[in-house]
Amino acid sequence: MKKLFIFFTTLVLTLSSVTFAMTPTYTNDAKFNRGVGNCCYYVDGSASGYANQISSAANNWEVTGYGWNPIYMTEVSSNYATHMDFYGRTPYTDSYLTGTIGAYTSYWNSNSTLVCNQTAFPTYDYFYTEIILNTNESASYDYRVAKHEMGHAFGLAHYLNHYSIMYPALGGMYVTTVQQCDHDTINYLYN
């Protein structure tokens, strides 16, 4: 009887952790008001050293390995009417890049008015985002940073699950790619 109890307890705990890992990670349901079916992104010259990481991140969000999602991303040569614009800055030129902040996302409406920046998440839909990368980071800039910030641009908040690309600290993040919980959130927000 004791072995049977231990078996069922282990089974319940295992299933609970699987369910937790797949919980959608959204905040206020704020997202791109144009959807993500033709999501254009622009990489400014100041962030061109991170073009490979940004392209890899775009590919990972398009093809997560967890089935269909609505994301289709295209890099463009101008920031006109894009969804995401990537810029590189340093802590000397951007006061938000303090301490260990590797990047942040700011959200804008169609009139180019700031909806909110890295200190908060938007509470209503937005037209485009700017992702600011800290260029003081080394040339081996972590690929997870671009994936994480794209997640914010899509509307995902930080998620205290070490197995999510949206975990708030690289040191505690156990994954290098978009996970099912992140993928499921995109489908929740945009379907």
C-alpha atoms as a PDB file:
ATOM      1  CA  MET A   1       0.000   0.000   0.000  1.00  0.00           C
ATOM      2  CA  LYS A   2       2.844   2.359   0.876  1.00  0.00           C
ATOM      3  CA  LYS A   3       4.485   1.796  -2.543  1.00  0.00           C
ATOM      4  CA  LEU A   4       1.190   2.483  -4.287  1.00  0.00           C
ATOM      5  CA  PHE A   5       0.772   5.747  -2.338  1.00  0.00           C
ATOM      6  CA  ILE A   6       4.315   6.861  -3.242  1.00  0.00           C
ATOM      7  CA  PHE A   7       3.715   5.987  -6.902  1.00  0.00           C
ATOM      8  CA  PHE A   8       0.491   8.032  -7.112  1.00  0.00           C
ATOM      9  CA  THR A   9       2.006  10.939  -5.191  1.00  0.00           C
ATOM     10  CA  THR A  10       4.942  10.994  -7.613  1.00  0.00           C
ATOM     11  CA  LEU A  11       2.574  10.798 -10.576  1.00  0.00           C
ATOM     12  CA  VAL A  12       0.437  13.701  -9.321  1.00  0.00           C
ATOM     13  CA  LEU A  13       3.497  15.871  -8.640  1.00  0.00           C
ATOM     14  CA  THR A  14       4.919  15.094 -12.072  1.00  0.00           C
ATOM     15  CA  LEU A  15       1.661  15.950 -13.836  1.00  0.00           C
ATOM     16  CA  SER A  16       1.344  19.150 -11.786  1.00  0.00           C
ATOM     17  CA  SER A  17       4.803  20.314 -12.844  1.00  0.00           C
ATOM     18  CA  VAL A  18       4.034  19.575 -16.508  1.00  0.00           C
ATOM     19  CA  THR A  19       0.826  21.600 -16.277  1.00  0.00           C
ATOM     20  CA  PHE A  20       2.703  24.474 -14.592  1.00  0.00           C
ATOM     21  CA  ALA A  21       5.311  24.517 -17.356  1.00  0.00           C
ATOM     22  CA  MET A  22       2.580  24.894 -19.977  1.00  0.00           C
ATOM     23  CA  THR A  23       0.684  27.726 -18.253  1.00  0.00           C
ATOM     24  CA  PRO A  24       0.318  30.750 -20.559  1.00  0.00           C
ATOM     25  CA  THR A  25       2.384  33.771 -19.543  1.00  0.00           C
ATOM     26  CA  TYR A  26       0.405  36.860 -20.462  1.00  0.00           C
ATOM     27  CA  THR A  27      -0.167  40.148 -18.714  1.00  0.00           C
ATOM     28  CA  ASN A  28      -3.182  42.395 -19.361  1.00  0.00           C
ATOM     29  CA  ASP A  29      -3.636  40.777 -22.791  1.00  0.00           C
ATOM     30  CA  ALA A  30      -1.714  43.700 -24.375  1.00  0.00           C
ATOM     31  CA  LYS A  31      -0.213  42.866 -27.755  1.00  0.00           C
ATOM     32  CA  PHE A  32       0.535  44.179 -31.243  1.00  0.00           C
ATOM     33  CA  ASN A  33      -2.694  45.699 -32.513  1.00  0.00           C
ATOM     34  CA  ARG A  34      -1.748  44.549 -36.062  1.00  0.00           C
ATOM     35  CA  GLY A  35      -1.182  40.922 -35.085  1.00  0.00           C
ATOM     36  CA  VAL A  36       1.983  38.969 -35.888  1.00  0.00           C
ATOM     37  CA  GLY A  37       1.116  37.295 -39.203  1.00  0.00           C
ATOM     38  CA  ASN A  38       3.463  39.589 -41.118  1.00  0.00           C
ATOM     39  CA  CYS A  39       5.766  40.892 -38.409  1.00  0.00           C
ATOM     40  CA  CYS A  40       8.492  43.087 -39.900  1.00  0.00           C
ATOM     41  CA  TYR A  41      11.617  43.901 -37.935  1.00  0.00           C
ATOM     42  CA  TYR A  42      14.434  46.365 -38.558  1.00  0.00           C
ATOM     43  CA  VAL A  43      18.014  46.140 -37.296  1.00  0.00           C
ATOM     44  CA  ASP A  44      19.609  49.579 -37.032  1.00  0.00           C
ATOM     45  CA  GLY A  45      23.322  49.963 -37.813  1.00  0.00           C
ATOM     46  CA  SER A  46      23.940  50.468 -34.090  1.00  0.00           C
ATOM     47  CA  ALA A  47      22.738  46.878 -33.495  1.00  0.00           C
ATOM     48  CA  SER A  48      24.166  45.298 -36.658  1.00  0.00           C
ATOM     49  CA  GLY A  49      26.753  43.388 -34.608  1.00  0.00           C
ATOM     50  CA  TYR A  50      23.844  41.369 -33.192  1.00  0.00           C
ATOM     51  CA  ALA A  51      22.138  40.641 -36.531  1.00  0.00           C
ATOM     52  CA  ASN A  52      22.834  36.894 -36.299  1.00  0.00           C
ATOM     53  CA  GLN A  53      21.333  36.663 -32.820  1.00  0.00           C
ATOM     54  CA  ILE A  54      18.273  38.664 -33.904  1.00  0.00           C
ATOM     55  CA  SER A  55      17.759  36.512 -37.016  1.00  0.00           C
ATOM     56  CA  SER A  56      18.135  33.336 -34.947  1.00  0.00           C
ATOM     57  CA  ALA A  57      15.585  34.644 -32.450  1.00  0.00           C
ATOM     58  CA  ALA A  58      13.095  35.468 -35.228  1.00  0.00           C
ATOM     59  CA  ASN A  59      13.487  31.970 -36.659  1.00  0.00           C
ATOM     60  CA  ASN A  60      12.993  30.387 -33.231  1.00  0.00           C
ATOM     61  CA  TRP A  61       9.761  32.332 -32.607  1.00  0.00           C
ATOM     62  CA  GLU A  62       8.447  31.331 -36.044  1.00  0.00           C
ATOM     63  CA  VAL A  63       9.333  27.651 -35.656  1.00  0.00           C
ATOM     64  CA  THR A  64       9.179  26.792 -31.971  1.00  0.00           C
ATOM     65  CA  GLY A  65       8.919  23.041 -32.434  1.00  0.00           C
ATOM     66  CA  TYR A  66       5.565  22.955 -30.605  1.00  0.00           C
ATOM     67  CA  GLY A  67       3.170  23.138 -33.530  1.00  0.00           C
ATOM     68  CA  TRP A  68       1.558  26.018 -35.374  1.00  0.00           C
ATOM     69  CA  ASN A  69       1.660  29.632 -34.220  1.00  0.00           C
ATOM     70  CA  PRO A  70       0.646  32.812 -36.084  1.00  0.00           C
ATOM     71  CA  ILE A  71       4.125  34.415 -36.182  1.00  0.00           C
ATOM     72  CA  TYR A  72       5.739  35.156 -39.522  1.00  0.00           C
ATOM     73  CA  MET A  73       8.761  37.478 -39.392  1.00  0.00           C
ATOM     74  CA  THR A  74      10.609  39.378 -42.104  1.00  0.00           C
ATOM     75  CA  GLU A  75      13.677  41.565 -41.754  1.00  0.00           C
ATOM     76  CA  VAL A  76      13.336  44.861 -43.630  1.00  0.00           C
ATOM     77  CA  SER A  77      15.809  47.631 -44.494  1.00  0.00           C
ATOM     78  CA  SER A  78      13.801  50.557 -43.085  1.00  0.00           C
ATOM     79  CA  ASN A  79      12.019  51.132 -39.798  1.00  0.00           C
ATOM     80  CA  TYR A  80       8.920  52.426 -41.597  1.00  0.00           C
ATOM     81  CA  ALA A  81       5.776  50.674 -40.249  1.00  0.00           C
ATOM     82  CA  THR A  82       7.715  47.841 -38.615  1.00  0.00           C
ATOM     83  CA  HIS A  83       6.667  45.851 -35.560  1.00  0.00           C
ATOM     84  CA  MET A  84      10.116  45.711 -33.935  1.00  0.00           C
ATOM     85  CA  ASP A  85      13.104  48.011 -34.286  1.00  0.00           C
ATOM     86  CA  PHE A  86      16.450  46.914 -32.809  1.00  0.00           C
ATOM     87  CA  TYR A  87      18.966  49.527 -31.639  1.00  0.00           C
ATOM     88  CA  GLY A  88      22.271  49.302 -29.844  1.00  0.00           C
ATOM     89  CA  ARG A  89      23.109  51.675 -27.004  1.00  0.00           C
ATOM     90  CA  THR A  90      25.440  51.874 -24.032  1.00  0.00           C
ATOM     91  CA  PRO A  91      24.792  52.787 -20.388  1.00  0.00           C
ATOM     92  CA  TYR A  92      26.484  56.115 -21.182  1.00  0.00           C
ATOM     93  CA  THR A  93      23.873  56.999 -23.815  1.00  0.00           C
ATOM     94  CA  ASP A  94      20.817  55.303 -22.250  1.00  0.00           C
ATOM     95  CA  SER A  95      20.012  55.652 -18.559  1.00  0.00           C
ATOM     96  CA  TYR A  96      17.826  52.501 -18.550  1.00  0.00           C
ATOM     97  CA  LEU A  97      20.843  50.283 -19.300  1.00  0.00           C
ATOM     98  CA  THR A  98      22.148  50.224 -15.742  1.00  0.00           C
ATOM     99  CA  GLY A  99      23.625  47.387 -13.738  1.00  0.00           C
ATOM    100  CA  THR A 100      23.241  44.052 -15.474  1.00  0.00           C
ATOM    101  CA  ILE A 101      20.472  45.013 -17.903  1.00  0.00           C
ATOM    102  CA  GLY A 102      21.376  43.482 -21.263  1.00  0.00           C
ATOM    103  CA  ALA A 103      18.378  44.892 -23.148  1.00  0.00           C
ATOM    104  CA  TYR A 104      14.884  46.314 -22.763  1.00  0.00           C
ATOM    105  CA  THR A 105      11.738  46.806 -24.834  1.00  0.00           C
ATOM    106  CA  SER A 106       9.663  49.965 -25.164  1.00  0.00           C
ATOM    107  CA  TYR A 107       6.138  50.066 -26.606  1.00  0.00           C
ATOM    108  CA  TRP A 108       4.716  52.760 -28.924  1.00  0.00           C
ATOM    109  CA  ASN A 109       1.332  53.630 -30.399  1.00  0.00           C
ATOM    110  CA  SER A 110       0.690  54.517 -34.062  1.00  0.00           C
ATOM    111  CA  ASN A 111       1.315  58.225 -33.337  1.00  0.00           C
ATOM    112  CA  SER A 112       4.866  57.422 -32.145  1.00  0.00           C
ATOM    113  CA  THR A 113       3.880  58.173 -28.572  1.00  0.00           C
ATOM    114  CA  LEU A 114       5.538  56.042 -25.909  1.00  0.00           C
ATOM    115  CA  VAL A 115       3.015  53.678 -24.328  1.00  0.00           C
ATOM    116  CA  CYS A 116       5.489  52.371 -21.750  1.00  0.00           C
ATOM    117  CA  ASN A 117       9.114  51.318 -21.454  1.00  0.00           C
ATOM    118  CA  GLN A 118      11.090  48.636 -19.618  1.00  0.00           C
ATOM    119  CA  THR A 119       9.858  49.745 -16.204  1.00  0.00           C
ATOM    120  CA  ALA A 120       6.347  48.385 -16.883  1.00  0.00           C
ATOM    121  CA  PHE A 121       4.304  46.293 -19.272  1.00  0.00           C
ATOM    122  CA  PRO A 122       1.640  47.866 -21.483  1.00  0.00           C
ATOM    123  CA  THR A 123      -1.982  47.678 -20.400  1.00  0.00           C
ATOM    124  CA  TYR A 124      -3.418  48.170 -23.892  1.00  0.00           C
ATOM    125  CA  ASP A 125      -2.467  47.163 -27.430  1.00  0.00           C
ATOM    126  CA  TYR A 126       0.410  48.929 -29.173  1.00  0.00           C
ATOM    127  CA  PHE A 127       1.593  49.534 -32.747  1.00  0.00           C
ATOM    128  CA  TYR A 128       5.345  48.913 -32.606  1.00  0.00           C
ATOM    129  CA  THR A 129       8.225  48.267 -30.242  1.00  0.00           C
ATOM    130  CA  GLU A 130      11.835  49.317 -29.909  1.00  0.00           C
ATOM    131  CA  ILE A 131      14.258  46.768 -28.510  1.00  0.00           C
ATOM    132  CA  ILE A 132      17.391  48.347 -27.094  1.00  0.00           C
ATOM    133  CA  LEU A 133      20.441  46.079 -26.806  1.00  0.00           C
ATOM    134  CA  ASN A 134      23.303  46.947 -24.465  1.00  0.00           C
ATOM    135  CA  THR A 135      26.323  47.180 -26.788  1.00  0.00           C
ATOM    136  CA  ASN A 136      28.681  47.031 -23.812  1.00  0.00           C
ATOM    137  CA  GLU A 137      27.970  43.296 -23.791  1.00  0.00           C
ATOM    138  CA  SER A 138      30.647  41.109 -25.371  1.00  0.00           C
ATOM    139  CA  ALA A 139      30.716  39.983 -28.997  1.00  0.00           C
ATOM    140  CA  SER A 140      29.333  36.631 -27.836  1.00  0.00           C
ATOM    141  CA  TYR A 141      26.068  38.324 -26.858  1.00  0.00           C
ATOM    142  CA  ASP A 142      23.751  35.658 -25.535  1.00  0.00           C
ATOM    143  CA  TYR A 143      21.195  34.495 -28.128  1.00  0.00           C
ATOM    144  CA  ARG A 144      18.604  34.198 -25.363  1.00  0.00           C
ATOM    145  CA  VAL A 145      18.510  37.981 -24.898  1.00  0.00           C
ATOM    146  CA  ALA A 146      17.054  38.673 -28.357  1.00  0.00           C
ATOM    147  CA  LYS A 147      14.544  35.806 -27.977  1.00  0.00           C
ATOM    148  CA  HIS A 148      13.518  37.086 -24.541  1.00  0.00           C
ATOM    149  CA  GLU A 149      13.068  40.685 -25.723  1.00  0.00           C
ATOM    150  CA  MET A 150      11.096  39.554 -28.783  1.00  0.00           C
ATOM    151  CA  GLY A 151       8.826  37.744 -26.330  1.00  0.00           C
ATOM    152  CA  HIS A 152       8.213  41.063 -24.564  1.00  0.00           C
ATOM    153  CA  ALA A 153       7.532  42.708 -27.925  1.00  0.00           C
ATOM    154  CA  PHE A 154       4.910  40.044 -28.658  1.00  0.00           C
ATOM    155  CA  GLY A 155       3.236  40.782 -25.296  1.00  0.00           C
ATOM    156  CA  LEU A 156       4.752  38.192 -22.958  1.00  0.00           C
ATOM    157  CA  ALA A 157       5.677  39.244 -19.434  1.00  0.00           C
ATOM    158  CA  HIS A 158       8.391  37.789 -17.240  1.00  0.00           C
ATOM    159  CA  TYR A 159       7.542  34.290 -16.117  1.00  0.00           C
ATOM    160  CA  LEU A 160       9.046  32.725 -12.987  1.00  0.00           C
ATOM    161  CA  ASN A 161       9.518  29.359 -14.658  1.00  0.00           C
ATOM    162  CA  HIS A 162      13.190  28.472 -15.179  1.00  0.00           C
ATOM    163  CA  TYR A 163      12.124  26.538 -18.298  1.00  0.00           C
ATOM    164  CA  SER A 164      10.715  29.567 -20.124  1.00  0.00           C
ATOM    165  CA  ILE A 165      12.603  31.959 -22.389  1.00  0.00           C
ATOM    166  CA  MET A 166      10.718  34.666 -20.445  1.00  0.00           C
ATOM    167  CA  TYR A 167      12.449  33.904 -17.149  1.00  0.00           C
ATOM    168  CA  PRO A 168      13.750  37.309 -15.959  1.00  0.00           C
ATOM    169  CA  ALA A 169      17.419  36.414 -15.391  1.00  0.00           C
ATOM    170  CA  LEU A 170      19.805  34.627 -17.732  1.00  0.00           C
ATOM    171  CA  GLY A 171      21.616  33.038 -14.799  1.00  0.00           C
ATOM    172  CA  GLY A 172      18.486  31.190 -13.698  1.00  0.00           C
ATOM    173  CA  MET A 173      17.147  30.398 -17.170  1.00  0.00           C
ATOM    174  CA  TYR A 174      17.623  26.702 -17.952  1.00  0.00           C
ATOM    175  CA  VAL A 175      16.666  26.903 -21.640  1.00  0.00           C
ATOM    176  CA  THR A 176      18.115  28.477 -24.787  1.00  0.00           C
ATOM    177  CA  THR A 177      15.052  28.373 -27.028  1.00  0.00           C
ATOM    178  CA  VAL A 178      11.373  29.313 -26.990  1.00  0.00           C
ATOM    179  CA  GLN A 179       9.475  26.719 -24.938  1.00  0.00           C
ATOM    180  CA  GLN A 180       5.946  25.344 -25.118  1.00  0.00           C
ATOM    181  CA  CYS A 181       4.682  27.681 -22.371  1.00  0.00           C
ATOM    182  CA  ASP A 182       5.937  30.659 -24.449  1.00  0.00           C
ATOM    183  CA  HIS A 183       4.485  29.194 -27.661  1.00  0.00           C
ATOM    184  CA  ASP A 184       1.106  28.570 -25.973  1.00  0.00           C
ATOM    185  CA  THR A 185       0.986  32.172 -24.775  1.00  0.00           C
ATOM    186  CA  ILE A 186       1.489  33.471 -28.317  1.00  0.00           C
ATOM    187  CA  ASN A 187      -1.412  31.292 -29.474  1.00  0.00           C
ATOM    188  CA  TYR A 188      -3.532  32.555 -26.570  1.00  0.00           C
ATOM    189  CA  LEU A 189      -2.811  36.210 -27.369  1.00  0.00           C
ATOM    190  CA  TYR A 190      -3.124  36.103 -31.157  1.00  0.00           C
ATOM    191  CA  ASN A 191      -5.772  33.454 -31.903  1.00  0.00           C
END
